[in-house]
Amino acid sequence: MTEVTVKTKWFTTSVTLTGYYEPAERGSFQDGLQMEPDISASFAIETVSLEDADITEIFNDESLSELEELACVALETSSQDYNAEDFFQD
């Protein structure tokens, strides 16, 4: 895993996510058959910062999971300017 920092928006607030990123891996194929499963990208949050303040503790587990998914989307598409409202609709 690689330690990375992602700047993104959580609704209307710009936040910085610091954590560990593991890129997605495609499973191997042999004779047209997939021999190993694909592995999704993962991001494990260490801190969520607003300006220079660590605000990680104010997020519940569900919100942290959504932020981790948001970080993966941002890193996989090489764009780090996403709004959570665009990805997490009820």
N, C-alpha and C. Protein backbone atom coordinates (compact mmCIF):
# COMPACT_ATOMS: atom_id res chain seq x y z
N MET A 1 0.84 -1.18 0.00
CA MET A 1 0.00 0.00 0.00
C MET A 1 0.88 1.24 0.00
N THR A 2 0.36 2.27 -0.62
CA THR A 2 1.09 3.52 -0.74
C THR A 2 0.36 4.61 0.05
N GLU A 3 1.09 5.39 0.84
CA GLU A 3 0.47 6.49 1.56
C GLU A 3 0.25 7.64 0.58
N VAL A 4 -0.98 8.15 0.51
CA VAL A 4 -1.31 9.23 -0.41
C VAL A 4 -2.20 10.26 0.28
N THR A 5 -2.27 11.42 -0.34
CA THR A 5 -3.15 12.50 0.11
C THR A 5 -4.06 12.86 -1.05
N VAL A 6 -5.36 12.95 -0.76
CA VAL A 6 -6.35 13.29 -1.77
C VAL A 6 -7.12 14.51 -1.29
N LYS A 7 -7.19 15.52 -2.12
CA LYS A 7 -8.01 16.69 -1.82
C LYS A 7 -9.32 16.55 -2.57
N THR A 8 -10.43 16.66 -1.86
CA THR A 8 -11.74 16.48 -2.46
C THR A 8 -12.77 17.31 -1.70
N LYS A 9 -14.02 17.18 -2.10
CA LYS A 9 -15.08 17.89 -1.41
C LYS A 9 -16.03 16.90 -0.77
N TRP A 10 -16.38 17.17 0.45
CA TRP A 10 -17.41 16.42 1.15
C TRP A 10 -18.61 17.35 1.19
N PHE A 11 -19.54 17.13 0.27
CA PHE A 11 -20.66 18.03 0.01
C PHE A 11 -20.10 19.40 -0.38
N THR A 12 -20.21 20.42 0.42
CA THR A 12 -19.71 21.73 -0.01
C THR A 12 -18.39 22.10 0.66
N THR A 13 -17.83 21.21 1.45
CA THR A 13 -16.62 21.51 2.21
C THR A 13 -15.42 20.79 1.61
N SER A 14 -14.36 21.55 1.35
CA SER A 14 -13.12 20.95 0.85
C SER A 14 -12.39 20.29 2.01
N VAL A 15 -12.03 19.02 1.83
CA VAL A 15 -11.30 18.27 2.85
C VAL A 15 -10.09 17.59 2.21
N THR A 16 -9.13 17.26 3.04
CA THR A 16 -7.95 16.52 2.60
C THR A 16 -7.96 15.18 3.30
N LEU A 17 -7.87 14.11 2.50
CA LEU A 17 -7.85 12.76 3.03
C LEU A 17 -6.43 12.22 2.94
N THR A 18 -5.92 11.71 4.03
CA THR A 18 -4.61 11.07 4.04
C THR A 18 -4.84 9.62 4.43
N GLY A 19 -4.22 8.72 3.68
CA GLY A 19 -4.40 7.31 3.98
C GLY A 19 -3.57 6.44 3.07
N TYR A 20 -3.90 5.17 3.07
CA TYR A 20 -3.16 4.18 2.31
C TYR A 20 -4.00 3.67 1.16
N TYR A 21 -3.42 3.70 -0.03
CA TYR A 21 -4.11 3.35 -1.27
C TYR A 21 -3.52 2.11 -1.90
N GLU A 22 -4.39 1.21 -2.29
CA GLU A 22 -4.01 0.01 -3.04
C GLU A 22 -4.79 0.04 -4.34
N PRO A 23 -4.12 0.17 -5.49
CA PRO A 23 -4.83 0.24 -6.76
C PRO A 23 -5.54 -1.08 -7.10
N ALA A 24 -6.53 -0.98 -7.97
CA ALA A 24 -7.25 -2.17 -8.42
C ALA A 24 -6.31 -3.07 -9.21
N GLU A 25 -6.58 -4.36 -9.16
CA GLU A 25 -5.81 -5.32 -9.93
C GLU A 25 -6.77 -6.20 -10.72
N ARG A 26 -6.43 -6.41 -11.94
CA ARG A 26 -7.25 -7.28 -12.78
C ARG A 26 -6.74 -8.71 -12.64
N GLY A 27 -7.67 -9.65 -12.43
CA GLY A 27 -7.32 -11.05 -12.31
C GLY A 27 -6.73 -11.60 -13.60
N SER A 28 -5.98 -12.66 -13.48
CA SER A 28 -5.33 -13.25 -14.67
C SER A 28 -6.32 -14.08 -15.49
N PHE A 29 -6.02 -14.17 -16.78
CA PHE A 29 -6.84 -14.94 -17.70
C PHE A 29 -5.97 -16.01 -18.35
N GLN A 30 -6.57 -17.14 -18.67
CA GLN A 30 -5.89 -18.19 -19.40
C GLN A 30 -6.90 -18.84 -20.34
N ASP A 31 -6.56 -18.86 -21.60
CA ASP A 31 -7.44 -19.43 -22.63
C ASP A 31 -8.84 -18.81 -22.59
N GLY A 32 -8.91 -17.50 -22.34
CA GLY A 32 -10.18 -16.79 -22.32
C GLY A 32 -10.97 -16.94 -21.04
N LEU A 33 -10.47 -17.68 -20.08
CA LEU A 33 -11.16 -17.86 -18.80
C LEU A 33 -10.43 -17.08 -17.71
N GLN A 34 -11.19 -16.43 -16.87
CA GLN A 34 -10.57 -15.69 -15.77
C GLN A 34 -10.20 -16.67 -14.67
N MET A 35 -8.92 -16.74 -14.37
CA MET A 35 -8.39 -17.69 -13.39
C MET A 35 -8.36 -17.13 -11.97
N GLU A 36 -8.25 -15.81 -11.85
CA GLU A 36 -8.21 -15.14 -10.54
C GLU A 36 -9.20 -14.00 -10.57
N PRO A 37 -9.83 -13.69 -9.44
CA PRO A 37 -10.80 -12.60 -9.42
C PRO A 37 -10.12 -11.23 -9.50
N ASP A 38 -10.88 -10.25 -10.00
CA ASP A 38 -10.41 -8.86 -9.97
C ASP A 38 -10.42 -8.39 -8.52
N ILE A 39 -9.50 -7.53 -8.19
CA ILE A 39 -9.44 -6.95 -6.85
C ILE A 39 -9.70 -5.46 -6.98
N SER A 40 -10.70 -4.99 -6.26
CA SER A 40 -11.06 -3.57 -6.30
C SER A 40 -10.00 -2.72 -5.61
N ALA A 41 -9.93 -1.46 -6.01
CA ALA A 41 -9.05 -0.51 -5.33
C ALA A 41 -9.54 -0.31 -3.91
N SER A 42 -8.61 0.03 -3.03
CA SER A 42 -9.00 0.32 -1.65
C SER A 42 -8.23 1.53 -1.14
N PHE A 43 -8.86 2.23 -0.23
CA PHE A 43 -8.24 3.39 0.42
C PHE A 43 -8.60 3.31 1.89
N ALA A 44 -7.62 3.30 2.76
CA ALA A 44 -7.84 3.26 4.21
C ALA A 44 -7.48 4.63 4.78
N ILE A 45 -8.48 5.33 5.28
CA ILE A 45 -8.28 6.68 5.81
C ILE A 45 -7.50 6.65 7.12
N GLU A 46 -6.49 7.49 7.17
CA GLU A 46 -5.77 7.75 8.42
C GLU A 46 -6.29 9.03 9.05
N THR A 47 -6.41 10.09 8.22
CA THR A 47 -6.93 11.36 8.72
C THR A 47 -7.80 12.06 7.68
N VAL A 48 -8.76 12.81 8.17
CA VAL A 48 -9.55 13.73 7.36
C VAL A 48 -9.25 15.11 7.92
N SER A 49 -8.78 16.02 7.07
CA SER A 49 -8.38 17.34 7.54
C SER A 49 -9.19 18.43 6.87
N LEU A 50 -9.50 19.45 7.64
CA LEU A 50 -10.12 20.67 7.15
C LEU A 50 -9.12 21.77 7.43
N GLU A 51 -8.56 22.33 6.37
CA GLU A 51 -7.43 23.24 6.48
C GLU A 51 -6.32 22.49 7.21
N ASP A 52 -5.93 22.90 8.41
CA ASP A 52 -4.87 22.19 9.13
C ASP A 52 -5.39 21.39 10.32
N ALA A 53 -6.71 21.31 10.46
CA ALA A 53 -7.30 20.63 11.62
C ALA A 53 -7.71 19.20 11.26
N ASP A 54 -7.36 18.26 12.12
CA ASP A 54 -7.76 16.87 11.95
C ASP A 54 -9.21 16.73 12.45
N ILE A 55 -10.12 16.40 11.53
CA ILE A 55 -11.54 16.29 11.88
C ILE A 55 -12.04 14.84 11.73
N THR A 56 -11.14 13.89 11.70
CA THR A 56 -11.50 12.50 11.48
C THR A 56 -12.55 12.02 12.47
N GLU A 57 -12.42 12.40 13.72
CA GLU A 57 -13.29 11.89 14.79
C GLU A 57 -14.76 12.32 14.65
N ILE A 58 -15.06 13.34 13.85
CA ILE A 58 -16.46 13.78 13.75
C ILE A 58 -17.26 12.94 12.76
N PHE A 59 -16.57 12.06 11.98
CA PHE A 59 -17.25 11.24 10.99
C PHE A 59 -17.59 9.87 11.57
N ASN A 60 -18.80 9.39 11.27
CA ASN A 60 -19.16 8.04 11.68
C ASN A 60 -18.57 7.04 10.68
N ASP A 61 -18.68 5.75 10.98
CA ASP A 61 -18.08 4.72 10.14
C ASP A 61 -18.63 4.73 8.72
N GLU A 62 -19.92 4.96 8.57
CA GLU A 62 -20.53 5.00 7.24
C GLU A 62 -19.97 6.15 6.41
N SER A 63 -19.83 7.31 7.02
CA SER A 63 -19.28 8.47 6.31
C SER A 63 -17.81 8.24 5.93
N LEU A 64 -17.05 7.62 6.82
CA LEU A 64 -15.65 7.31 6.51
C LEU A 64 -15.56 6.33 5.34
N SER A 65 -16.44 5.34 5.31
CA SER A 65 -16.47 4.39 4.19
C SER A 65 -16.78 5.10 2.88
N GLU A 66 -17.72 6.04 2.92
CA GLU A 66 -18.05 6.80 1.72
C GLU A 66 -16.88 7.66 1.27
N LEU A 67 -16.17 8.26 2.23
CA LEU A 67 -15.00 9.05 1.89
C LEU A 67 -13.90 8.17 1.29
N GLU A 68 -13.74 6.96 1.80
CA GLU A 68 -12.75 6.03 1.24
C GLU A 68 -13.11 5.66 -0.19
N GLU A 69 -14.39 5.42 -0.44
CA GLU A 69 -14.82 5.12 -1.81
C GLU A 69 -14.61 6.32 -2.72
N LEU A 70 -14.91 7.49 -2.22
CA LEU A 70 -14.70 8.73 -2.98
C LEU A 70 -13.23 8.90 -3.33
N ALA A 71 -12.34 8.61 -2.40
CA ALA A 71 -10.90 8.70 -2.66
C ALA A 71 -10.48 7.71 -3.74
N CYS A 72 -11.02 6.50 -3.70
CA CYS A 72 -10.69 5.50 -4.74
C CYS A 72 -11.13 5.98 -6.11
N VAL A 73 -12.34 6.52 -6.20
CA VAL A 73 -12.83 7.03 -7.49
C VAL A 73 -11.92 8.13 -7.99
N ALA A 74 -11.57 9.05 -7.10
CA ALA A 74 -10.71 10.17 -7.49
C ALA A 74 -9.34 9.68 -7.96
N LEU A 75 -8.76 8.74 -7.24
CA LEU A 75 -7.43 8.23 -7.61
C LEU A 75 -7.47 7.38 -8.86
N GLU A 76 -8.51 6.58 -9.03
CA GLU A 76 -8.60 5.72 -10.22
C GLU A 76 -8.81 6.53 -11.49
N THR A 77 -9.45 7.67 -11.38
CA THR A 77 -9.70 8.49 -12.57
C THR A 77 -8.71 9.64 -12.69
N SER A 78 -7.73 9.68 -11.78
CA SER A 78 -6.68 10.70 -11.79
C SER A 78 -7.20 12.12 -11.67
N SER A 79 -8.37 12.27 -11.12
CA SER A 79 -8.91 13.59 -10.85
C SER A 79 -9.30 13.64 -9.39
N GLN A 80 -8.81 14.62 -8.69
CA GLN A 80 -9.03 14.66 -7.25
C GLN A 80 -10.02 15.74 -6.84
N ASP A 81 -10.92 16.11 -7.73
CA ASP A 81 -11.90 17.14 -7.39
C ASP A 81 -13.31 16.58 -7.58
N TYR A 82 -13.75 15.79 -6.62
CA TYR A 82 -15.07 15.18 -6.66
C TYR A 82 -15.90 15.70 -5.51
N ASN A 83 -17.19 15.76 -5.74
CA ASN A 83 -18.14 16.14 -4.71
C ASN A 83 -18.88 14.90 -4.30
N ALA A 84 -18.93 14.61 -3.02
CA ALA A 84 -19.59 13.40 -2.54
C ALA A 84 -21.05 13.32 -2.99
N GLU A 85 -21.71 14.45 -3.15
CA GLU A 85 -23.10 14.42 -3.58
C GLU A 85 -23.25 13.76 -4.95
N ASP A 86 -22.22 13.84 -5.80
CA ASP A 86 -22.29 13.25 -7.13
C ASP A 86 -22.22 11.73 -7.10
N PHE A 87 -21.68 11.13 -6.04
CA PHE A 87 -21.44 9.70 -6.00
C PHE A 87 -22.30 8.95 -4.99
N PHE A 88 -22.78 9.61 -3.98
CA PHE A 88 -23.51 8.89 -2.92
C PHE A 88 -24.91 9.43 -2.80
N GLN A 89 -25.76 8.98 -3.68
CA GLN A 89 -27.16 9.37 -3.68
C GLN A 89 -27.96 8.27 -3.01
N ASP A 90 -28.99 8.64 -2.26
CA ASP A 90 -29.87 7.63 -1.64
C ASP A 90 -30.78 7.00 -2.67
